[in-house]
């Protein structure tokens, strides 16, 4: 399995199942509108190629967790002895924090390839096999109900 290292966000929120990246990659204007409202951005700002890419969303670009991992010269919180630290505990979005607290220990136990497979399996539609995005209640392709892993 070939993985895109740009999608291996240090915070444990795997970018391959990020709603912002999904909306950008699939040019989903409806989802862009919804995310723009949530993040207080313009729909045209809903674009990202991954936390570790050079083309990040404004929210990810300003992320203190990404900067912390870079400063410590580690690939993510799964390698940090301070996990969970104040950056995680004070993360501004409760549901994202819950995903981080589940995903980071899972990443610690797996290789990058195994972690990506695990993350994608959490957000794959059981009806049509489409990989959706974290937090989706319905599959973006077939509209079947998605099972939430948390």
N, C-alpha and C. Protein backbone atom coordinates (compact mmCIF):
# COMPACT_ATOMS: atom_id res chain seq x y z
N UNK A 1 0.84 -1.18 0.00
CA UNK A 1 0.00 0.00 0.00
C UNK A 1 0.89 1.24 0.00
N UNK A 2 0.62 2.13 -0.90
CA UNK A 2 1.35 3.39 -0.97
C UNK A 2 0.53 4.46 -0.24
N UNK A 3 1.18 5.16 0.69
CA UNK A 3 0.46 6.19 1.43
C UNK A 3 1.05 7.56 1.08
N UNK A 4 0.23 8.57 1.21
CA UNK A 4 0.63 9.94 0.97
C UNK A 4 1.03 10.54 2.31
N UNK A 5 2.31 10.75 2.52
CA UNK A 5 2.80 11.28 3.80
C UNK A 5 2.23 12.65 4.13
N UNK A 6 1.79 13.40 3.14
CA UNK A 6 1.18 14.72 3.40
C UNK A 6 -0.12 14.61 4.20
N UNK A 7 -0.71 13.40 4.22
CA UNK A 7 -1.99 13.20 4.89
C UNK A 7 -1.84 12.69 6.33
N UNK A 8 -0.60 12.48 6.78
CA UNK A 8 -0.36 11.93 8.11
C UNK A 8 -0.24 13.04 9.14
N UNK A 9 -1.35 13.66 9.45
CA UNK A 9 -1.38 14.81 10.36
C UNK A 9 -0.82 14.42 11.73
N UNK A 10 0.08 15.24 12.27
CA UNK A 10 0.67 14.96 13.58
C UNK A 10 -0.36 14.79 14.70
N UNK A 11 -1.49 15.48 14.60
CA UNK A 11 -2.50 15.46 15.66
C UNK A 11 -3.32 14.19 15.70
N UNK A 12 -3.16 13.32 14.71
CA UNK A 12 -3.92 12.08 14.68
C UNK A 12 -5.21 12.18 13.89
N UNK A 13 -5.51 13.34 13.34
CA UNK A 13 -6.68 13.50 12.48
C UNK A 13 -6.24 13.23 11.05
N UNK A 14 -6.22 11.98 10.66
CA UNK A 14 -5.75 11.58 9.33
C UNK A 14 -6.46 12.38 8.24
N UNK A 15 -5.68 13.08 7.43
CA UNK A 15 -6.22 13.98 6.40
C UNK A 15 -6.94 13.23 5.28
N UNK A 16 -6.69 11.95 5.13
CA UNK A 16 -7.35 11.18 4.09
C UNK A 16 -8.85 11.04 4.32
N UNK A 17 -9.30 11.31 5.55
CA UNK A 17 -10.74 11.28 5.85
C UNK A 17 -11.20 12.61 6.43
N UNK A 18 -10.53 13.68 6.04
CA UNK A 18 -10.88 15.03 6.49
C UNK A 18 -11.97 15.61 5.59
N UNK A 19 -12.97 16.21 6.18
CA UNK A 19 -14.07 16.79 5.41
C UNK A 19 -13.59 17.93 4.50
N UNK A 20 -12.65 18.75 4.98
CA UNK A 20 -12.14 19.85 4.16
C UNK A 20 -11.45 19.30 2.92
N UNK A 21 -10.59 18.32 3.10
CA UNK A 21 -9.89 17.74 1.95
C UNK A 21 -10.89 17.05 1.02
N UNK A 22 -11.87 16.35 1.61
CA UNK A 22 -12.88 15.67 0.80
C UNK A 22 -13.64 16.69 -0.06
N UNK A 23 -14.09 17.77 0.56
CA UNK A 23 -14.84 18.81 -0.18
C UNK A 23 -13.99 19.40 -1.29
N UNK A 24 -12.73 19.66 -1.00
CA UNK A 24 -11.82 20.24 -2.00
C UNK A 24 -11.56 19.24 -3.13
N UNK A 25 -11.17 18.02 -2.76
CA UNK A 25 -10.81 17.00 -3.74
C UNK A 25 -11.98 16.65 -4.66
N UNK A 26 -13.19 16.64 -4.09
CA UNK A 26 -14.38 16.24 -4.85
C UNK A 26 -15.19 17.44 -5.34
N UNK A 27 -14.67 18.64 -5.14
CA UNK A 27 -15.35 19.87 -5.55
C UNK A 27 -16.83 19.87 -5.11
N UNK A 28 -17.01 19.54 -3.84
CA UNK A 28 -18.34 19.44 -3.25
C UNK A 28 -18.74 20.82 -2.69
N UNK A 29 -19.43 21.61 -3.52
CA UNK A 29 -19.78 22.97 -3.13
C UNK A 29 -20.68 23.03 -1.90
N UNK A 30 -21.58 22.09 -1.78
CA UNK A 30 -22.49 22.07 -0.63
C UNK A 30 -21.71 21.86 0.67
N UNK A 31 -20.78 20.91 0.64
CA UNK A 31 -19.97 20.66 1.83
C UNK A 31 -19.03 21.83 2.09
N UNK A 32 -18.49 22.45 1.05
CA UNK A 32 -17.64 23.63 1.22
C UNK A 32 -18.41 24.75 1.93
N UNK A 33 -19.66 24.96 1.53
CA UNK A 33 -20.50 25.99 2.16
C UNK A 33 -20.68 25.69 3.66
N UNK A 34 -20.98 24.46 3.97
CA UNK A 34 -21.21 24.04 5.35
C UNK A 34 -19.94 24.21 6.19
N UNK A 35 -18.81 23.78 5.65
CA UNK A 35 -17.55 23.89 6.37
C UNK A 35 -17.12 25.35 6.52
N UNK A 36 -17.33 26.15 5.48
CA UNK A 36 -16.98 27.56 5.55
C UNK A 36 -17.74 28.25 6.68
N UNK A 37 -19.00 27.93 6.81
CA UNK A 37 -19.80 28.51 7.89
C UNK A 37 -19.26 28.06 9.26
N UNK A 38 -18.96 26.77 9.38
CA UNK A 38 -18.45 26.21 10.64
C UNK A 38 -17.13 26.86 11.05
N UNK A 39 -16.22 27.02 10.09
CA UNK A 39 -14.89 27.56 10.37
C UNK A 39 -14.80 29.08 10.23
N UNK A 40 -15.91 29.73 9.93
CA UNK A 40 -15.93 31.18 9.69
C UNK A 40 -14.95 31.57 8.58
N UNK A 41 -15.03 30.85 7.48
CA UNK A 41 -14.20 31.09 6.30
C UNK A 41 -15.10 31.34 5.10
N UNK A 42 -14.50 31.63 3.99
CA UNK A 42 -15.21 31.70 2.72
C UNK A 42 -15.15 30.32 2.07
N UNK A 43 -16.17 29.94 1.31
CA UNK A 43 -16.14 28.62 0.66
C UNK A 43 -14.89 28.39 -0.18
N UNK A 44 -14.38 29.45 -0.80
CA UNK A 44 -13.18 29.29 -1.62
C UNK A 44 -11.93 29.01 -0.78
N UNK A 45 -12.02 29.21 0.55
CA UNK A 45 -10.90 28.89 1.44
C UNK A 45 -10.92 27.43 1.89
N UNK A 46 -11.95 26.70 1.52
CA UNK A 46 -12.05 25.29 1.88
C UNK A 46 -11.27 24.50 0.84
N UNK A 47 -9.97 24.40 1.11
CA UNK A 47 -9.07 23.69 0.21
C UNK A 47 -7.86 23.23 1.02
N UNK A 48 -7.41 22.03 0.73
CA UNK A 48 -6.27 21.48 1.46
C UNK A 48 -5.82 20.20 0.78
N UNK A 49 -4.52 20.00 0.75
CA UNK A 49 -3.94 18.76 0.21
C UNK A 49 -3.27 17.95 1.30
N UNK A 50 -3.56 18.29 2.54
CA UNK A 50 -3.01 17.54 3.68
C UNK A 50 -2.21 18.44 4.61
N UNK A 51 -2.23 18.12 5.86
CA UNK A 51 -1.59 18.91 6.90
C UNK A 51 -0.10 19.11 6.66
N UNK A 52 0.55 18.11 6.08
CA UNK A 52 1.99 18.21 5.88
C UNK A 52 2.37 18.64 4.47
N UNK A 53 1.37 19.03 3.68
CA UNK A 53 1.64 19.53 2.33
C UNK A 53 1.96 21.03 2.41
N UNK A 54 2.31 21.59 1.30
CA UNK A 54 2.53 23.04 1.23
C UNK A 54 1.24 23.79 0.92
N UNK A 55 0.14 23.06 0.78
CA UNK A 55 -1.15 23.63 0.40
C UNK A 55 -2.19 23.23 1.46
N UNK A 56 -2.21 23.98 2.58
CA UNK A 56 -3.05 23.64 3.73
C UNK A 56 -4.20 24.62 3.87
N UNK A 57 -5.23 24.14 4.56
CA UNK A 57 -6.34 25.04 4.90
C UNK A 57 -5.84 26.07 5.90
N UNK A 58 -6.49 27.23 5.98
CA UNK A 58 -6.05 28.25 6.96
C UNK A 58 -6.04 27.71 8.39
N UNK A 59 -7.01 26.88 8.73
CA UNK A 59 -7.07 26.34 10.09
C UNK A 59 -5.86 25.44 10.35
N UNK A 60 -5.55 24.56 9.42
CA UNK A 60 -4.41 23.65 9.59
C UNK A 60 -3.08 24.39 9.51
N UNK A 61 -3.04 25.43 8.71
CA UNK A 61 -1.82 26.20 8.56
C UNK A 61 -1.42 26.85 9.89
N UNK A 62 -2.40 27.21 10.69
CA UNK A 62 -2.15 27.86 11.97
C UNK A 62 -2.08 26.90 13.15
N UNK A 63 -2.11 25.62 12.90
CA UNK A 63 -2.22 24.61 13.97
C UNK A 63 -0.97 24.55 14.85
N UNK A 64 -1.17 24.73 16.14
CA UNK A 64 -0.06 24.68 17.09
C UNK A 64 0.45 23.25 17.28
N UNK A 65 -0.39 22.25 17.05
CA UNK A 65 0.03 20.86 17.21
C UNK A 65 1.03 20.49 16.11
N UNK A 66 0.74 20.91 14.89
CA UNK A 66 1.66 20.65 13.77
C UNK A 66 3.00 21.33 14.03
N UNK A 67 2.95 22.58 14.48
CA UNK A 67 4.19 23.32 14.77
C UNK A 67 4.97 22.66 15.91
N UNK A 68 4.27 22.18 16.92
CA UNK A 68 4.92 21.53 18.06
C UNK A 68 5.66 20.27 17.61
N UNK A 69 5.01 19.44 16.81
CA UNK A 69 5.64 18.20 16.33
C UNK A 69 6.88 18.54 15.50
N UNK A 70 6.77 19.55 14.67
CA UNK A 70 7.92 19.96 13.85
C UNK A 70 9.06 20.43 14.74
N UNK A 71 8.74 21.24 15.76
CA UNK A 71 9.76 21.76 16.68
C UNK A 71 10.45 20.61 17.44
N UNK A 72 9.68 19.60 17.83
CA UNK A 72 10.23 18.45 18.56
C UNK A 72 10.87 17.43 17.63
N UNK A 73 10.77 17.66 16.32
CA UNK A 73 11.32 16.76 15.31
C UNK A 73 10.73 15.34 15.43
N UNK A 74 9.41 15.30 15.62
CA UNK A 74 8.69 14.02 15.65
C UNK A 74 7.60 14.08 14.58
N UNK A 75 7.13 12.92 14.18
CA UNK A 75 6.11 12.92 13.13
C UNK A 75 4.71 13.15 13.68
N UNK A 76 4.54 13.01 14.98
CA UNK A 76 3.22 13.26 15.53
C UNK A 76 3.11 13.00 17.02
N UNK A 77 1.95 13.28 17.54
CA UNK A 77 1.68 13.13 18.97
C UNK A 77 1.86 11.68 19.45
N UNK A 78 1.72 10.72 18.54
CA UNK A 78 1.90 9.32 18.90
C UNK A 78 3.34 9.02 19.32
N UNK A 79 4.27 9.91 19.01
CA UNK A 79 5.67 9.75 19.40
C UNK A 79 6.05 10.63 20.59
N UNK A 80 5.10 11.36 21.11
CA UNK A 80 5.40 12.34 22.16
C UNK A 80 5.10 11.77 23.54
N UNK A 81 6.05 11.96 24.44
CA UNK A 81 5.89 11.49 25.83
C UNK A 81 4.89 12.33 26.61
N UNK A 82 4.57 13.52 26.11
CA UNK A 82 3.65 14.41 26.81
C UNK A 82 2.18 14.19 26.43
N UNK A 83 1.91 13.27 25.50
CA UNK A 83 0.53 13.03 25.08
C UNK A 83 -0.28 12.44 26.22
N UNK A 84 -1.50 12.94 26.41
CA UNK A 84 -2.14 14.10 25.80
C UNK A 84 -1.73 15.38 26.51
N UNK A 85 -1.30 16.33 25.76
CA UNK A 85 -0.81 17.59 26.31
C UNK A 85 -1.92 18.65 26.32
N UNK A 86 -1.57 19.84 26.73
CA UNK A 86 -2.55 20.92 26.81
C UNK A 86 -3.07 21.30 25.42
N UNK A 87 -2.24 21.15 24.37
CA UNK A 87 -2.70 21.48 23.01
C UNK A 87 -3.86 20.57 22.59
N UNK A 88 -3.75 19.30 22.95
CA UNK A 88 -4.83 18.36 22.66
C UNK A 88 -6.02 18.65 23.57
N UNK A 89 -5.75 18.77 24.86
CA UNK A 89 -6.83 18.97 25.84
C UNK A 89 -7.61 20.26 25.63
N UNK A 90 -6.98 21.27 25.04
CA UNK A 90 -7.67 22.54 24.81
C UNK A 90 -8.03 22.75 23.34
N UNK A 91 -8.01 21.67 22.56
CA UNK A 91 -8.34 21.80 21.14
C UNK A 91 -9.75 22.37 21.02
N UNK A 92 -9.96 23.35 20.15
CA UNK A 92 -11.22 24.10 20.14
C UNK A 92 -12.46 23.34 19.64
N UNK A 93 -12.28 22.18 19.02
CA UNK A 93 -13.44 21.44 18.51
C UNK A 93 -13.55 20.10 19.24
N UNK A 94 -14.59 19.99 20.07
CA UNK A 94 -14.75 18.84 20.97
C UNK A 94 -14.71 17.51 20.21
N UNK A 95 -15.45 17.40 19.14
CA UNK A 95 -15.51 16.13 18.42
C UNK A 95 -14.15 15.77 17.81
N UNK A 96 -13.42 16.76 17.31
CA UNK A 96 -12.07 16.51 16.77
C UNK A 96 -11.15 16.02 17.89
N UNK A 97 -11.26 16.63 19.05
CA UNK A 97 -10.45 16.21 20.20
C UNK A 97 -10.76 14.76 20.54
N UNK A 98 -12.03 14.37 20.51
CA UNK A 98 -12.40 12.97 20.79
C UNK A 98 -11.77 12.03 19.76
N UNK A 99 -11.78 12.42 18.50
CA UNK A 99 -11.16 11.60 17.46
C UNK A 99 -9.65 11.49 17.70
N UNK A 100 -9.01 12.61 18.07
CA UNK A 100 -7.58 12.59 18.35
C UNK A 100 -7.25 11.62 19.48
N UNK A 101 -8.02 11.69 20.55
CA UNK A 101 -7.77 10.85 21.72
C UNK A 101 -7.94 9.37 21.42
N UNK A 102 -8.70 9.04 20.39
CA UNK A 102 -8.84 7.65 19.96
C UNK A 102 -7.78 7.29 18.92
N UNK A 103 -7.52 8.19 18.01
CA UNK A 103 -6.64 7.90 16.89
C UNK A 103 -5.15 7.87 17.26
N UNK A 104 -4.72 8.77 18.12
CA UNK A 104 -3.28 8.83 18.45
C UNK A 104 -2.81 7.53 19.11
N UNK A 105 -3.50 6.99 20.10
CA UNK A 105 -3.06 5.70 20.65
C UNK A 105 -3.12 4.57 19.60
N UNK A 106 -4.10 4.63 18.71
CA UNK A 106 -4.19 3.62 17.65
C UNK A 106 -2.98 3.72 16.72
N UNK A 107 -2.56 4.93 16.44
CA UNK A 107 -1.39 5.12 15.57
C UNK A 107 -0.12 4.63 16.26
N UNK A 108 -0.05 4.82 17.56
CA UNK A 108 1.11 4.38 18.33
C UNK A 108 1.31 2.87 18.21
N UNK A 109 0.23 2.13 18.07
CA UNK A 109 0.26 0.66 18.03
C UNK A 109 0.46 0.10 16.62
N UNK A 110 0.46 0.96 15.60
CA UNK A 110 0.46 0.48 14.22
C UNK A 110 1.56 1.15 13.39
N UNK A 111 1.87 0.51 12.27
CA UNK A 111 2.72 1.18 11.29
C UNK A 111 1.87 2.25 10.62
N UNK A 112 2.50 3.16 9.89
CA UNK A 112 1.74 4.19 9.19
C UNK A 112 0.72 3.56 8.24
N UNK A 113 1.13 2.52 7.52
CA UNK A 113 0.22 1.86 6.57
C UNK A 113 -0.97 1.24 7.29
N UNK A 114 -0.72 0.57 8.41
CA UNK A 114 -1.81 -0.04 9.18
C UNK A 114 -2.73 1.01 9.76
N UNK A 115 -2.16 2.12 10.21
CA UNK A 115 -2.98 3.20 10.78
C UNK A 115 -3.87 3.82 9.72
N UNK A 116 -3.33 4.06 8.52
CA UNK A 116 -4.13 4.61 7.42
C UNK A 116 -5.27 3.66 7.09
N UNK A 117 -4.99 2.36 6.99
CA UNK A 117 -6.05 1.38 6.71
C UNK A 117 -7.12 1.41 7.81
N UNK A 118 -6.68 1.51 9.07
CA UNK A 118 -7.61 1.56 10.19
C UNK A 118 -8.49 2.80 10.11
N UNK A 119 -7.86 3.96 9.86
CA UNK A 119 -8.61 5.22 9.74
C UNK A 119 -9.62 5.15 8.59
N UNK A 120 -9.16 4.69 7.43
CA UNK A 120 -10.06 4.61 6.27
C UNK A 120 -11.20 3.62 6.52
N UNK A 121 -10.91 2.52 7.21
CA UNK A 121 -11.97 1.54 7.49
C UNK A 121 -13.05 2.13 8.40
N UNK A 122 -12.66 3.05 9.28
CA UNK A 122 -13.63 3.70 10.17
C UNK A 122 -14.63 4.56 9.40
N UNK A 123 -14.25 5.03 8.20
CA UNK A 123 -15.07 5.96 7.45
C UNK A 123 -15.43 5.44 6.06
N UNK A 124 -15.42 4.12 5.91
CA UNK A 124 -15.81 3.50 4.64
C UNK A 124 -17.26 3.04 4.74
N UNK A 125 -18.04 3.42 3.76
CA UNK A 125 -19.46 3.06 3.73
C UNK A 125 -19.62 1.56 3.58
N UNK A 126 -20.42 0.96 4.44
CA UNK A 126 -20.64 -0.48 4.38
C UNK A 126 -21.57 -0.86 3.22
N UNK A 127 -22.25 0.10 2.64
CA UNK A 127 -23.15 -0.17 1.52
C UNK A 127 -22.43 -0.11 0.17
N UNK A 128 -21.70 0.98 -0.08
CA UNK A 128 -21.09 1.16 -1.41
C UNK A 128 -19.56 1.13 -1.40
N UNK A 129 -18.96 1.05 -0.21
CA UNK A 129 -17.51 0.97 -0.05
C UNK A 129 -16.77 2.27 -0.34
N UNK A 130 -17.48 3.39 -0.44
CA UNK A 130 -16.87 4.71 -0.64
C UNK A 130 -16.19 5.14 0.66
N UNK A 131 -14.97 5.68 0.55
CA UNK A 131 -14.32 6.27 1.72
C UNK A 131 -14.87 7.69 1.85
N UNK A 132 -15.55 7.92 2.95
CA UNK A 132 -16.16 9.22 3.18
C UNK A 132 -15.22 10.12 3.95
N UNK A 133 -15.77 10.81 4.94
CA UNK A 133 -14.95 11.71 5.74
C UNK A 133 -15.38 11.64 7.20
N UNK A 134 -14.43 11.96 8.06
CA UNK A 134 -14.62 11.90 9.50
C UNK A 134 -15.82 12.74 9.91
N UNK A 135 -16.70 12.15 10.67
CA UNK A 135 -17.86 12.86 11.19
C UNK A 135 -19.10 12.79 10.31
N UNK A 136 -18.98 12.19 9.12
CA UNK A 136 -20.14 12.12 8.22
C UNK A 136 -21.21 11.21 8.81
N UNK A 137 -22.45 11.68 8.79
CA UNK A 137 -23.57 10.87 9.23
C UNK A 137 -24.10 9.98 8.11
N UNK A 138 -23.89 10.45 6.87
CA UNK A 138 -24.35 9.71 5.69
C UNK A 138 -23.20 9.62 4.69
N UNK A 139 -23.21 8.55 3.94
CA UNK A 139 -22.21 8.37 2.90
C UNK A 139 -22.39 9.46 1.85
N UNK A 140 -21.31 10.14 1.47
CA UNK A 140 -21.44 11.20 0.48
C UNK A 140 -21.81 10.69 -0.92
N UNK A 141 -21.62 9.40 -1.16
CA UNK A 141 -21.93 8.84 -2.47
C UNK A 141 -23.35 8.27 -2.54
N UNK A 142 -23.67 7.32 -1.65
CA UNK A 142 -24.96 6.63 -1.76
C UNK A 142 -25.98 7.08 -0.71
N UNK A 143 -25.55 7.93 0.21
CA UNK A 143 -26.40 8.52 1.25
C UNK A 143 -26.85 7.52 2.32
N UNK A 144 -26.26 6.33 2.36
CA UNK A 144 -26.54 5.38 3.44
C UNK A 144 -26.02 5.93 4.75
N UNK A 145 -26.63 5.51 5.83
CA UNK A 145 -26.18 5.96 7.14
C UNK A 145 -24.80 5.40 7.42
N UNK A 146 -23.91 6.27 7.94
CA UNK A 146 -22.55 5.86 8.29
C UNK A 146 -22.52 5.55 9.79
N UNK A 147 -21.77 4.54 10.16
CA UNK A 147 -21.59 4.19 11.54
C UNK A 147 -20.45 5.03 12.11
N UNK A 148 -20.70 5.69 13.23
CA UNK A 148 -19.68 6.53 13.85
C UNK A 148 -18.78 5.65 14.72
N UNK A 149 -17.45 5.71 14.53
CA UNK A 149 -16.56 4.87 15.32
C UNK A 149 -16.39 5.30 16.77
N UNK A 150 -16.88 6.49 17.12
CA UNK A 150 -16.75 6.93 18.53
C UNK A 150 -18.11 6.83 19.18
